[in-house]
C-alpha cells in the first residue's frame, strides 16, 4: 500500500494538521529572517567599503565638515553612523570645562556600538527559538500520529499494517518537517552569528581608529 502526501494529509486529524501548518509557518518565518539579514549584511559590506574609501581621504585632510555630510548620506550604515556620532560628540564636548572631548566621544561610541549590534541582529531570537523548539513540536506531532495509529488498530480489531500505516506515516512526516525546520534555522543562525561577530569586530576596530584620530586632533589643538 502506497500513501501519497495528499493521502497522508487527508488522513491527519485536525490537531496533527495544525502542528504541521505551524511548523511550516515557523520555517517560512526563519527563512524570511535569514534572507533579510543576509541582504542587510551584503548592503552594509558594500556601503562600508564605499564610505571608508571616501572618509579616509577626508580624515587625512582633517575635513570633518564634509566628513559629517558624507556620513549623513549613508543613514543606514553602521560605520557611517559611528563616524557621525563620534565626530559630533567630540565637537559638542570641545571647549566645555571639565569634559575631555575625546573621552566623551569614546563613551558615546561605546554605547552606540552596543545599540548597533542589537539592531543588526534583529530577528535572530526568532531563529534561535525555531531551532530549539521545532524538534519538540515535531515530536508532539509524532505522539499524535502514534495515537492515531493505535486508534486505527483498535478500530480494525487487529494489528495489520493497513490499520497503522496512515498513523505511522503521519507521525514520521511531522517529525521530519520539525527536524528539517530546526536544522535549517540552526545552520542559518550559526552562519549569521559568525558574520555578525565579524561585523562587531570591524566596528570596534573602526571606532578605535576614530578615537585615535580624535586624540591626535585634540593633541594638536584641533
N, C-alpha and C. Protein backbone atom coordinates (compact mmCIF):
# COMPACT_ATOMS: atom_id res chain seq x y z
N UNK A 1 0.84 -1.20 0.00
CA UNK A 1 0.00 0.00 0.00
C UNK A 1 0.88 1.25 0.00
N UNK A 2 0.69 2.12 -0.98
CA UNK A 2 1.46 3.35 -1.06
C UNK A 2 0.59 4.52 -0.67
N UNK A 3 1.15 5.41 0.12
CA UNK A 3 0.43 6.58 0.57
C UNK A 3 1.12 7.82 0.03
N UNK A 4 0.40 8.65 -0.69
CA UNK A 4 0.96 9.90 -1.17
C UNK A 4 0.85 10.95 -0.06
N UNK A 5 1.54 12.08 -0.27
CA UNK A 5 1.47 13.15 0.72
C UNK A 5 0.05 13.67 0.87
N UNK A 6 -0.68 13.69 -0.25
CA UNK A 6 -2.07 14.16 -0.20
C UNK A 6 -2.91 13.22 0.67
N UNK A 7 -2.71 11.91 0.48
CA UNK A 7 -3.46 10.94 1.27
C UNK A 7 -3.09 11.01 2.74
N UNK A 8 -1.80 11.22 3.00
CA UNK A 8 -1.37 11.36 4.40
C UNK A 8 -2.00 12.60 5.02
N UNK A 9 -2.01 13.71 4.26
CA UNK A 9 -2.62 14.95 4.76
C UNK A 9 -4.11 14.75 5.05
N UNK A 10 -4.79 14.03 4.14
CA UNK A 10 -6.22 13.80 4.32
C UNK A 10 -6.50 12.90 5.52
N UNK A 11 -5.53 12.03 5.83
CA UNK A 11 -5.74 11.11 6.96
C UNK A 11 -5.43 11.76 8.30
N UNK A 12 -4.78 12.91 8.27
CA UNK A 12 -4.41 13.58 9.52
C UNK A 12 -5.64 14.15 10.22
N UNK A 13 -5.55 14.12 11.54
CA UNK A 13 -6.58 14.77 12.32
C UNK A 13 -6.35 16.28 12.35
N UNK A 14 -7.30 16.98 12.94
CA UNK A 14 -7.23 18.45 12.98
C UNK A 14 -6.00 18.93 13.74
N UNK A 15 -5.71 18.30 14.87
CA UNK A 15 -4.58 18.72 15.69
C UNK A 15 -3.26 18.46 14.96
N UNK A 16 -3.14 17.32 14.31
CA UNK A 16 -1.92 16.99 13.58
C UNK A 16 -1.71 17.98 12.42
N UNK A 17 -2.78 18.34 11.74
CA UNK A 17 -2.67 19.32 10.66
C UNK A 17 -2.23 20.68 11.20
N UNK A 18 -2.76 21.05 12.36
CA UNK A 18 -2.37 22.32 12.97
C UNK A 18 -0.89 22.32 13.31
N UNK A 19 -0.37 21.19 13.82
CA UNK A 19 1.06 21.09 14.12
C UNK A 19 1.89 21.23 12.86
N UNK A 20 1.48 20.54 11.79
CA UNK A 20 2.23 20.60 10.54
C UNK A 20 2.22 22.02 9.96
N UNK A 21 1.07 22.67 9.98
CA UNK A 21 0.97 24.04 9.46
C UNK A 21 1.84 24.98 10.28
N UNK A 22 1.82 24.82 11.60
CA UNK A 22 2.62 25.67 12.47
C UNK A 22 4.10 25.50 12.20
N UNK A 23 4.52 24.27 11.96
CA UNK A 23 5.93 24.03 11.64
C UNK A 23 6.32 24.68 10.31
N UNK A 24 5.44 24.59 9.32
CA UNK A 24 5.72 25.23 8.03
C UNK A 24 5.81 26.74 8.19
N UNK A 25 4.92 27.32 8.98
CA UNK A 25 4.97 28.76 9.22
C UNK A 25 6.26 29.16 9.95
N UNK A 26 6.70 28.34 10.89
CA UNK A 26 7.96 28.59 11.58
C UNK A 26 9.13 28.57 10.59
N UNK A 27 9.08 27.59 9.67
CA UNK A 27 10.14 27.50 8.67
C UNK A 27 10.16 28.72 7.75
N UNK A 28 8.97 29.15 7.32
CA UNK A 28 8.88 30.33 6.45
C UNK A 28 9.40 31.57 7.19
N UNK A 29 9.02 31.70 8.47
CA UNK A 29 9.48 32.84 9.26
C UNK A 29 10.98 32.87 9.43
N UNK A 30 11.57 31.71 9.71
CA UNK A 30 13.02 31.65 9.90
C UNK A 30 13.75 31.93 8.59
N UNK A 31 13.23 31.44 7.48
CA UNK A 31 13.85 31.73 6.18
C UNK A 31 13.74 33.21 5.85
N UNK A 32 12.58 33.81 6.17
CA UNK A 32 12.42 35.24 5.93
C UNK A 32 13.42 36.07 6.70
N UNK A 33 13.61 35.75 7.98
CA UNK A 33 14.59 36.47 8.80
C UNK A 33 16.00 36.25 8.26
N UNK A 34 16.30 35.02 7.88
CA UNK A 34 17.65 34.70 7.41
C UNK A 34 17.99 35.48 6.14
N UNK A 35 17.10 35.46 5.16
CA UNK A 35 17.37 36.17 3.91
C UNK A 35 17.40 37.68 4.12
N UNK A 36 16.55 38.17 5.01
CA UNK A 36 16.56 39.60 5.32
C UNK A 36 17.90 40.02 5.91
N UNK A 37 18.41 39.24 6.85
CA UNK A 37 19.70 39.58 7.48
C UNK A 37 20.86 39.42 6.49
N UNK A 38 20.77 38.44 5.59
CA UNK A 38 21.81 38.29 4.57
C UNK A 38 21.85 39.50 3.65
N UNK A 39 20.67 39.99 3.28
CA UNK A 39 20.60 41.19 2.44
C UNK A 39 21.16 42.40 3.18
N UNK A 40 20.82 42.51 4.46
CA UNK A 40 21.34 43.63 5.27
C UNK A 40 22.86 43.57 5.37
N UNK A 41 23.40 42.38 5.61
CA UNK A 41 24.85 42.24 5.71
C UNK A 41 25.55 42.59 4.40
N UNK A 42 24.96 42.18 3.28
CA UNK A 42 25.54 42.50 1.97
C UNK A 42 25.52 44.01 1.74
N UNK A 43 24.43 44.65 2.12
CA UNK A 43 24.33 46.10 1.94
C UNK A 43 25.33 46.83 2.83
N UNK A 44 25.45 46.39 4.08
CA UNK A 44 26.40 47.01 5.00
C UNK A 44 27.82 46.89 4.47
N UNK A 45 28.17 45.71 3.98
CA UNK A 45 29.52 45.49 3.46
C UNK A 45 29.81 46.39 2.27
N UNK A 46 28.85 46.48 1.35
CA UNK A 46 29.04 47.29 0.15
C UNK A 46 29.16 48.78 0.51
N UNK A 47 28.25 49.27 1.35
CA UNK A 47 28.27 50.68 1.71
C UNK A 47 29.48 51.04 2.57
N UNK A 48 29.89 50.11 3.43
CA UNK A 48 31.04 50.39 4.30
C UNK A 48 32.32 50.56 3.50
N UNK A 49 32.50 49.73 2.47
CA UNK A 49 33.69 49.87 1.63
C UNK A 49 33.68 51.22 0.91
N UNK A 50 32.52 51.61 0.42
CA UNK A 50 32.42 52.89 -0.29
C UNK A 50 32.64 54.06 0.67
N UNK A 51 32.03 54.00 1.83
CA UNK A 51 32.18 55.09 2.81
C UNK A 51 33.62 55.19 3.30
N UNK A 52 34.22 54.05 3.62
CA UNK A 52 35.58 54.06 4.17
C UNK A 52 36.58 54.64 3.17
N UNK A 53 36.42 54.30 1.89
CA UNK A 53 37.35 54.82 0.89
C UNK A 53 37.27 56.34 0.77
N UNK A 54 36.08 56.90 0.95
CA UNK A 54 35.92 58.35 0.87
C UNK A 54 36.28 59.02 2.19
N UNK A 55 35.92 58.39 3.29
CA UNK A 55 36.15 59.00 4.60
C UNK A 55 37.63 59.09 4.93
N UNK A 56 38.42 58.11 4.51
CA UNK A 56 39.85 58.13 4.83
C UNK A 56 40.53 59.36 4.24
N UNK A 57 40.16 59.73 3.03
CA UNK A 57 40.73 60.92 2.40
C UNK A 57 40.37 62.18 3.19
N UNK A 58 39.12 62.26 3.64
CA UNK A 58 38.66 63.42 4.39
C UNK A 58 39.32 63.49 5.76
N UNK A 59 39.56 62.34 6.38
CA UNK A 59 40.26 62.33 7.67
C UNK A 59 41.70 62.79 7.49
N UNK A 60 42.34 62.36 6.42
CA UNK A 60 43.72 62.80 6.16
C UNK A 60 43.78 64.31 5.93
N UNK A 61 42.72 64.85 5.33
CA UNK A 61 42.67 66.30 5.08
C UNK A 61 42.10 67.07 6.26
N UNK A 62 41.71 66.35 7.33
CA UNK A 62 41.12 66.97 8.52
C UNK A 62 39.87 67.79 8.17
N UNK A 63 39.07 67.27 7.26
CA UNK A 63 37.87 67.98 6.81
C UNK A 63 36.65 67.30 7.43
N UNK A 64 36.39 67.61 8.71
CA UNK A 64 35.31 66.94 9.42
C UNK A 64 33.93 67.41 8.95
N UNK A 65 33.85 68.63 8.43
CA UNK A 65 32.56 69.12 7.94
C UNK A 65 32.04 68.29 6.79
N UNK A 66 32.89 68.08 5.80
CA UNK A 66 32.50 67.25 4.66
C UNK A 66 32.32 65.80 5.09
N UNK A 67 33.12 65.37 6.07
CA UNK A 67 33.01 64.01 6.58
C UNK A 67 31.63 63.77 7.19
N UNK A 68 31.14 64.74 7.94
CA UNK A 68 29.80 64.61 8.53
C UNK A 68 28.73 64.56 7.44
N UNK A 69 28.89 65.39 6.42
CA UNK A 69 27.94 65.37 5.30
C UNK A 69 27.96 64.01 4.61
N UNK A 70 29.14 63.44 4.45
CA UNK A 70 29.27 62.12 3.83
C UNK A 70 28.59 61.06 4.69
N UNK A 71 28.82 61.13 6.01
CA UNK A 71 28.21 60.15 6.92
C UNK A 71 26.69 60.22 6.87
N UNK A 72 26.15 61.43 6.75
CA UNK A 72 24.70 61.61 6.70
C UNK A 72 24.10 61.05 5.41
N UNK A 73 24.92 60.91 4.39
CA UNK A 73 24.43 60.34 3.13
C UNK A 73 24.32 58.82 3.18
N UNK A 74 24.80 58.22 4.28
CA UNK A 74 24.68 56.77 4.49
C UNK A 74 23.92 56.55 5.81
N UNK A 75 22.63 56.91 5.86
CA UNK A 75 21.91 56.91 7.15
C UNK A 75 21.72 55.53 7.77
N UNK A 76 21.79 54.48 6.98
CA UNK A 76 21.54 53.13 7.50
C UNK A 76 22.81 52.30 7.65
N UNK A 77 23.95 52.93 7.42
CA UNK A 77 25.21 52.18 7.51
C UNK A 77 25.83 52.35 8.89
N UNK A 78 26.15 51.25 9.59
CA UNK A 78 26.70 51.35 10.94
C UNK A 78 28.02 52.12 11.01
N UNK A 79 28.92 51.92 10.04
CA UNK A 79 30.20 52.61 10.06
C UNK A 79 30.00 54.12 9.92
N UNK A 80 29.13 54.54 9.00
CA UNK A 80 28.86 55.96 8.82
C UNK A 80 28.20 56.55 10.06
N UNK A 81 27.30 55.80 10.66
CA UNK A 81 26.63 56.30 11.87
C UNK A 81 27.60 56.42 13.03
N UNK A 82 28.51 55.46 13.15
CA UNK A 82 29.53 55.55 14.20
C UNK A 82 30.41 56.78 14.01
N UNK A 83 30.82 57.01 12.77
CA UNK A 83 31.66 58.17 12.47
C UNK A 83 30.94 59.46 12.81
N UNK A 84 29.70 59.56 12.43
CA UNK A 84 28.90 60.75 12.70
C UNK A 84 28.77 60.98 14.20
N UNK A 85 28.45 59.93 14.95
CA UNK A 85 28.29 60.04 16.40
C UNK A 85 29.60 60.48 17.05
N UNK A 86 30.71 59.85 16.63
CA UNK A 86 31.99 60.17 17.25
C UNK A 86 32.43 61.61 17.01
N UNK A 87 32.33 62.06 15.76
CA UNK A 87 32.76 63.42 15.43
C UNK A 87 31.85 64.45 16.08
N UNK A 88 30.53 64.22 16.02
CA UNK A 88 29.59 65.16 16.63
C UNK A 88 29.78 65.23 18.15
N UNK A 89 30.03 64.10 18.78
CA UNK A 89 30.25 64.09 20.23
C UNK A 89 31.53 64.85 20.58
N UNK A 90 32.57 64.64 19.79
CA UNK A 90 33.84 65.35 20.03
C UNK A 90 33.63 66.86 19.91
N UNK A 91 32.97 67.28 18.86
CA UNK A 91 32.77 68.72 18.65
C UNK A 91 31.84 69.31 19.70
N UNK A 92 30.87 68.52 20.16
CA UNK A 92 29.93 69.01 21.17
C UNK A 92 30.62 69.23 22.51
N UNK A 93 31.60 68.38 22.84
CA UNK A 93 32.28 68.50 24.13
C UNK A 93 33.51 69.40 24.08
N UNK A 94 33.94 69.76 22.88
CA UNK A 94 35.12 70.62 22.76
C UNK A 94 34.82 72.00 23.35
N UNK A 95 35.72 72.46 24.22
CA UNK A 95 35.56 73.78 24.82
C UNK A 95 34.76 73.80 26.10
N UNK A 96 34.15 72.64 26.45
CA UNK A 96 33.39 72.58 27.70
C UNK A 96 34.30 72.21 28.85
N UNK A 97 34.22 72.96 29.92
CA UNK A 97 35.12 72.76 31.06
C UNK A 97 34.81 71.46 31.78
N UNK A 98 35.87 70.77 32.18
CA UNK A 98 35.75 69.53 32.95
C UNK A 98 35.41 68.31 32.12
N UNK A 99 35.29 68.47 30.82
CA UNK A 99 34.93 67.33 29.96
C UNK A 99 35.99 67.17 28.88
N UNK A 100 36.62 66.02 28.85
CA UNK A 100 37.57 65.73 27.79
C UNK A 100 36.78 65.30 26.55
N UNK A 101 36.88 66.03 25.45
CA UNK A 101 36.06 65.70 24.26
C UNK A 101 36.36 64.32 23.71
N UNK A 102 37.61 63.87 23.82
CA UNK A 102 37.95 62.53 23.31
C UNK A 102 37.30 61.46 24.16
N UNK A 103 37.34 61.65 25.49
CA UNK A 103 36.72 60.68 26.38
C UNK A 103 35.21 60.66 26.19
N UNK A 104 34.63 61.85 25.97
CA UNK A 104 33.19 61.91 25.71
C UNK A 104 32.82 61.16 24.44
N UNK A 105 33.64 61.33 23.40
CA UNK A 105 33.39 60.61 22.14
C UNK A 105 33.55 59.12 22.32
N UNK A 106 34.56 58.70 23.10
CA UNK A 106 34.79 57.27 23.33
C UNK A 106 33.58 56.63 24.03
N UNK A 107 33.06 57.29 25.04
CA UNK A 107 31.90 56.74 25.76
C UNK A 107 30.67 56.67 24.85
N UNK A 108 30.48 57.71 24.06
CA UNK A 108 29.34 57.74 23.15
C UNK A 108 29.45 56.62 22.12
N UNK A 109 30.65 56.39 21.61
CA UNK A 109 30.87 55.31 20.64
C UNK A 109 30.62 53.95 21.27
N UNK A 110 31.04 53.78 22.52
CA UNK A 110 30.82 52.52 23.21
C UNK A 110 29.35 52.19 23.34
N UNK A 111 28.56 53.20 23.71
CA UNK A 111 27.11 52.98 23.82
C UNK A 111 26.50 52.70 22.45
N UNK A 112 26.97 53.41 21.44
CA UNK A 112 26.42 53.24 20.10
C UNK A 112 26.77 51.87 19.53
N UNK A 113 27.93 51.35 19.85
CA UNK A 113 28.33 50.03 19.36
C UNK A 113 27.36 48.96 19.87
N UNK A 114 26.97 49.05 21.13
CA UNK A 114 26.03 48.09 21.69
C UNK A 114 24.66 48.20 21.02
N UNK A 115 24.25 49.44 20.77
CA UNK A 115 22.96 49.66 20.13
C UNK A 115 22.94 49.11 18.70
N UNK A 116 24.02 49.36 17.96
CA UNK A 116 24.09 48.89 16.58
C UNK A 116 24.16 47.37 16.52
N UNK A 117 24.87 46.77 17.47
CA UNK A 117 24.97 45.31 17.49
C UNK A 117 23.60 44.67 17.68
N UNK A 118 22.80 45.26 18.57
CA UNK A 118 21.44 44.73 18.79
C UNK A 118 20.56 44.98 17.56
N UNK A 119 20.77 46.11 16.91
CA UNK A 119 19.94 46.47 15.76
C UNK A 119 20.16 45.54 14.57
N UNK A 120 21.42 45.25 14.26
CA UNK A 120 21.69 44.40 13.10
C UNK A 120 21.32 42.94 13.36
N UNK A 121 21.22 42.57 14.63
CA UNK A 121 20.83 41.20 14.98
C UNK A 121 19.32 41.03 15.12
N UNK A 122 18.57 42.01 14.70
CA UNK A 122 17.12 41.94 14.83
C UNK A 122 16.58 40.68 14.13
N UNK A 123 15.77 39.93 14.85
CA UNK A 123 15.18 38.71 14.30
C UNK A 123 15.95 37.45 14.63
N UNK A 124 17.16 37.59 15.14
CA UNK A 124 17.96 36.40 15.44
C UNK A 124 17.35 35.57 16.57
N UNK A 125 16.61 36.23 17.46
CA UNK A 125 15.95 35.49 18.54
C UNK A 125 14.91 34.53 17.98
N UNK A 126 14.27 34.92 16.86
CA UNK A 126 13.31 34.02 16.22
C UNK A 126 14.00 32.76 15.69
N UNK A 127 15.16 32.95 15.05
CA UNK A 127 15.91 31.79 14.56
C UNK A 127 16.30 30.86 15.70
N UNK A 128 16.75 31.44 16.81
CA UNK A 128 17.14 30.62 17.96
C UNK A 128 15.93 29.86 18.51
N UNK A 129 14.79 30.53 18.58
CA UNK A 129 13.59 29.89 19.11
C UNK A 129 13.12 28.76 18.20
N UNK A 130 13.14 29.01 16.89
CA UNK A 130 12.72 27.97 15.94
C UNK A 130 13.66 26.77 16.02
N UNK A 131 14.96 27.04 16.05
CA UNK A 131 15.93 25.95 16.10
C UNK A 131 15.80 25.10 17.35
N UNK A 132 15.39 25.70 18.45
CA UNK A 132 15.32 24.95 19.71
C UNK A 132 13.96 24.29 19.94
N UNK A 133 12.90 24.84 19.37
CA UNK A 133 11.56 24.31 19.66
C UNK A 133 10.97 23.44 18.56
N UNK A 134 11.41 23.63 17.30
CA UNK A 134 10.82 22.86 16.20
C UNK A 134 10.92 21.34 16.41
N UNK A 135 12.05 20.79 16.89
CA UNK A 135 12.09 19.33 17.11
C UNK A 135 11.05 18.85 18.11
N UNK A 136 10.81 19.66 19.15
CA UNK A 136 9.83 19.24 20.16
C UNK A 136 8.40 19.33 19.62
N UNK A 137 8.16 20.33 18.78
CA UNK A 137 6.85 20.42 18.16
C UNK A 137 6.65 19.24 17.20
N UNK A 138 7.71 18.89 16.47
CA UNK A 138 7.64 17.70 15.62
C UNK A 138 7.41 16.44 16.43
N UNK A 139 8.04 16.36 17.61
CA UNK A 139 7.83 15.20 18.49
C UNK A 139 6.39 15.15 18.97
N UNK A 140 5.83 16.32 19.24
CA UNK A 140 4.42 16.38 19.62
C UNK A 140 3.55 15.81 18.50
N UNK A 141 3.88 16.17 17.25
CA UNK A 141 3.15 15.62 16.12
C UNK A 141 3.32 14.11 16.02
N UNK A 142 4.52 13.62 16.37
CA UNK A 142 4.76 12.18 16.36
C UNK A 142 3.86 11.46 17.35
N UNK A 143 3.74 12.03 18.53
CA UNK A 143 2.88 11.42 19.54
C UNK A 143 1.44 11.35 19.05
N UNK A 144 1.01 12.45 18.42
CA UNK A 144 -0.36 12.46 17.89
C UNK A 144 -0.52 11.38 16.82
N UNK A 145 0.49 11.22 15.94
CA UNK A 145 0.43 10.20 14.90
C UNK A 145 0.38 8.79 15.47
N UNK A 146 1.14 8.56 16.51
CA UNK A 146 1.14 7.23 17.13
C UNK A 146 -0.21 6.94 17.78
N UNK A 147 -0.77 7.98 18.41
CA UNK A 147 -2.11 7.80 18.98
C UNK A 147 -3.11 7.44 17.89
N UNK A 148 -3.00 8.12 16.74
CA UNK A 148 -3.88 7.82 15.61
C UNK A 148 -3.68 6.38 15.14
N UNK A 149 -2.41 5.93 15.13
CA UNK A 149 -2.12 4.56 14.71
C UNK A 149 -2.78 3.54 15.63
N UNK A 150 -2.70 3.76 16.93
CA UNK A 150 -3.33 2.83 17.88
C UNK A 150 -4.85 2.87 17.78
N UNK A 151 -5.37 4.07 17.47
CA UNK A 151 -6.81 4.14 17.25
C UNK A 151 -7.22 3.33 16.03
N UNK A 152 -6.34 3.34 14.99
CA UNK A 152 -6.61 2.53 13.81
C UNK A 152 -6.59 1.05 14.12
N UNK A 153 -5.64 0.65 14.97
CA UNK A 153 -5.58 -0.76 15.37
C UNK A 153 -6.84 -1.17 16.12
N UNK A 154 -7.26 -0.28 17.04
CA UNK A 154 -8.46 -0.59 17.84
C UNK A 154 -9.70 -0.67 16.96
N UNK A 155 -9.78 0.24 15.98
CA UNK A 155 -10.96 0.24 15.11
C UNK A 155 -10.99 -0.98 14.20
N UNK A 156 -9.79 -1.43 13.76
CA UNK A 156 -9.73 -2.58 12.85
C UNK A 156 -9.80 -3.90 13.61
N UNK A 157 -9.58 -3.85 14.92
CA UNK A 157 -9.63 -5.06 15.72
C UNK A 157 -8.41 -5.93 15.55
N UNK A 158 -7.33 -5.37 15.04
CA UNK A 158 -6.11 -6.13 14.86
C UNK A 158 -4.95 -5.21 14.60
N UNK A 159 -3.79 -5.82 14.39
CA UNK A 159 -2.58 -5.03 14.22
C UNK A 159 -2.03 -5.05 12.82
N UNK A 160 -2.89 -5.21 11.82
CA UNK A 160 -2.43 -5.24 10.45
C UNK A 160 -1.79 -3.93 10.03
N UNK A 161 -0.91 -4.02 9.03
CA UNK A 161 -0.20 -2.82 8.59
C UNK A 161 -1.15 -1.79 8.01
N UNK A 162 -2.22 -2.26 7.40
CA UNK A 162 -3.19 -1.33 6.83
C UNK A 162 -3.85 -0.46 7.88
N UNK A 163 -3.94 -0.97 9.09
CA UNK A 163 -4.60 -0.22 10.16
C UNK A 163 -3.71 0.85 10.75
N UNK A 164 -2.40 0.65 10.64
CA UNK A 164 -1.49 1.57 11.33
C UNK A 164 -0.64 2.40 10.37
N UNK A 165 -0.64 2.07 9.09
CA UNK A 165 0.29 2.74 8.17
C UNK A 165 0.05 4.23 8.08
N UNK A 166 -1.21 4.64 8.00
CA UNK A 166 -1.51 6.08 7.87
C UNK A 166 -1.03 6.84 9.10
N UNK A 167 -1.29 6.30 10.29
CA UNK A 167 -0.87 6.98 11.51
C UNK A 167 0.64 7.06 11.65
N UNK A 168 1.33 5.97 11.32
CA UNK A 168 2.79 5.97 11.41
C UNK A 168 3.39 6.94 10.40
N UNK A 169 2.85 6.92 9.17
CA UNK A 169 3.34 7.85 8.14
C UNK A 169 3.13 9.29 8.58
N UNK A 170 1.97 9.56 9.15
CA UNK A 170 1.67 10.89 9.66
C UNK A 170 2.69 11.30 10.72
N UNK A 171 2.99 10.37 11.63
CA UNK A 171 3.94 10.67 12.69
C UNK A 171 5.32 10.97 12.14
N UNK A 172 5.77 10.16 11.19
CA UNK A 172 7.11 10.34 10.64
C UNK A 172 7.22 11.62 9.81
N UNK A 173 6.16 11.95 9.05
CA UNK A 173 6.18 13.16 8.23
C UNK A 173 6.32 14.40 9.11
N UNK A 174 5.52 14.48 10.16
CA UNK A 174 5.57 15.65 11.04
C UNK A 174 6.93 15.74 11.73
N UNK A 175 7.49 14.62 12.14
CA UNK A 175 8.81 14.62 12.76
C UNK A 175 9.87 15.11 11.77
N UNK A 176 9.80 14.63 10.53
CA UNK A 176 10.76 15.04 9.52
C UNK A 176 10.67 16.54 9.25
N UNK A 177 9.45 17.07 9.18
CA UNK A 177 9.28 18.50 8.95
C UNK A 177 9.88 19.29 10.11
N UNK A 178 9.62 18.84 11.34
CA UNK A 178 10.17 19.53 12.50
C UNK A 178 11.68 19.54 12.51
N UNK A 179 12.29 18.40 12.17
CA UNK A 179 13.76 18.33 12.14
C UNK A 179 14.33 19.19 11.02
N UNK A 180 13.69 19.18 9.85
CA UNK A 180 14.18 19.99 8.73
C UNK A 180 14.13 21.47 9.07
N UNK A 181 13.03 21.91 9.65
CA UNK A 181 12.89 23.32 10.03
C UNK A 181 13.94 23.69 11.07
N UNK A 182 14.14 22.83 12.06
CA UNK A 182 15.11 23.13 13.12
C UNK A 182 16.53 23.17 12.59
N UNK A 183 16.90 22.19 11.77
CA UNK A 183 18.27 22.14 11.24
C UNK A 183 18.55 23.36 10.37
N UNK A 184 17.59 23.73 9.53
CA UNK A 184 17.77 24.90 8.68
C UNK A 184 17.95 26.17 9.52
N UNK A 185 17.11 26.32 10.54
CA UNK A 185 17.19 27.51 11.39
C UNK A 185 18.52 27.57 12.13
N UNK A 186 18.99 26.43 12.64
CA UNK A 186 20.26 26.41 13.38
C UNK A 186 21.44 26.73 12.47
N UNK A 187 21.43 26.17 11.25
CA UNK A 187 22.52 26.45 10.31
C UNK A 187 22.58 27.93 9.97
N UNK A 188 21.43 28.52 9.68
CA UNK A 188 21.41 29.96 9.38
C UNK A 188 21.82 30.78 10.60
N UNK A 189 21.35 30.37 11.77
CA UNK A 189 21.69 31.11 13.00
C UNK A 189 23.19 31.11 13.24
N UNK A 190 23.82 29.94 13.10
CA UNK A 190 25.26 29.86 13.34
C UNK A 190 26.05 30.66 12.30
N UNK A 191 25.63 30.57 11.04
CA UNK A 191 26.33 31.33 9.99
C UNK A 191 26.19 32.83 10.21
N UNK A 192 24.96 33.27 10.47
CA UNK A 192 24.74 34.70 10.66
C UNK A 192 25.42 35.21 11.92
N UNK A 193 25.44 34.39 12.96
CA UNK A 193 26.13 34.81 14.20
C UNK A 193 27.61 35.05 13.94
N UNK A 194 28.23 34.17 13.14
CA UNK A 194 29.62 34.37 12.79
C UNK A 194 29.84 35.65 11.99
N UNK A 195 28.93 35.93 11.04
CA UNK A 195 29.04 37.16 10.26
C UNK A 195 28.86 38.39 11.13
N UNK A 196 27.91 38.32 12.06
CA UNK A 196 27.68 39.46 12.94
C UNK A 196 28.85 39.68 13.90
N UNK A 197 29.48 38.59 14.35
CA UNK A 197 30.67 38.73 15.20
C UNK A 197 31.80 39.43 14.44
N UNK A 198 31.97 39.08 13.17
CA UNK A 198 32.97 39.74 12.35
C UNK A 198 32.64 41.22 12.18
N UNK A 199 31.35 41.52 11.99
CA UNK A 199 30.93 42.92 11.86
C UNK A 199 31.19 43.68 13.14
N UNK A 200 30.91 43.06 14.28
CA UNK A 200 31.17 43.72 15.57
C UNK A 200 32.65 44.05 15.73
N UNK A 201 33.51 43.10 15.39
CA UNK A 201 34.95 43.34 15.50
C UNK A 201 35.39 44.46 14.57
N UNK A 202 34.82 44.47 13.36
CA UNK A 202 35.16 45.53 12.41
C UNK A 202 34.72 46.89 12.91
N UNK A 203 33.52 46.96 13.49
CA UNK A 203 33.02 48.22 14.03
C UNK A 203 33.84 48.70 15.22
N UNK A 204 34.25 47.77 16.09
CA UNK A 204 35.09 48.14 17.23
C UNK A 204 36.45 48.66 16.77
N UNK A 205 37.00 48.01 15.74
CA UNK A 205 38.28 48.46 15.20
C UNK A 205 38.14 49.86 14.59
N UNK A 206 37.05 50.09 13.86
CA UNK A 206 36.82 51.39 13.24
C UNK A 206 36.61 52.47 14.30
N UNK A 207 35.88 52.13 15.36
CA UNK A 207 35.67 53.09 16.44
C UNK A 207 36.99 53.43 17.12
N UNK A 208 37.85 52.43 17.29
CA UNK A 208 39.17 52.69 17.88
C UNK A 208 40.02 53.59 17.00
N UNK A 209 39.96 53.38 15.69
CA UNK A 209 40.71 54.24 14.78
C UNK A 209 40.19 55.68 14.82
N UNK A 210 38.87 55.84 14.93
CA UNK A 210 38.30 57.18 15.00
C UNK A 210 38.72 57.88 16.29
N UNK A 211 38.73 57.14 17.39
CA UNK A 211 39.19 57.73 18.67
C UNK A 211 40.65 58.14 18.58
N UNK A 212 41.47 57.31 17.94
CA UNK A 212 42.89 57.67 17.76
C UNK A 212 43.02 58.95 16.94
N UNK A 213 42.20 59.07 15.91
CA UNK A 213 42.23 60.29 15.09
C UNK A 213 41.82 61.50 15.92
N UNK A 214 40.77 61.35 16.73
CA UNK A 214 40.31 62.47 17.55
C UNK A 214 41.32 62.84 18.62
N UNK A 215 42.02 61.85 19.17
CA UNK A 215 43.07 62.13 20.15
C UNK A 215 44.20 62.93 19.52
N UNK A 216 44.57 62.53 18.29
CA UNK A 216 45.62 63.28 17.60
C UNK A 216 45.17 64.69 17.28
N UNK A 217 43.92 64.84 16.90
CA UNK A 217 43.39 66.18 16.59
C UNK A 217 43.34 67.03 17.85
N UNK A 218 42.93 66.43 18.95
CA UNK A 218 42.84 67.17 20.23
C UNK A 218 44.23 67.56 20.73
N UNK A 219 45.18 66.64 20.53
CA UNK A 219 46.54 66.92 20.97
C UNK A 219 47.17 68.07 20.19
N UNK A 220 46.72 68.26 18.96
CA UNK A 220 47.24 69.34 18.14
C UNK A 220 46.38 70.60 18.24
N UNK A 221 45.44 70.57 19.18
CA UNK A 221 44.59 71.75 19.39
C UNK A 221 43.53 71.92 18.35
N UNK A 222 43.10 70.77 17.65
CA UNK A 222 42.08 70.86 16.61
C UNK A 222 40.71 71.04 17.15
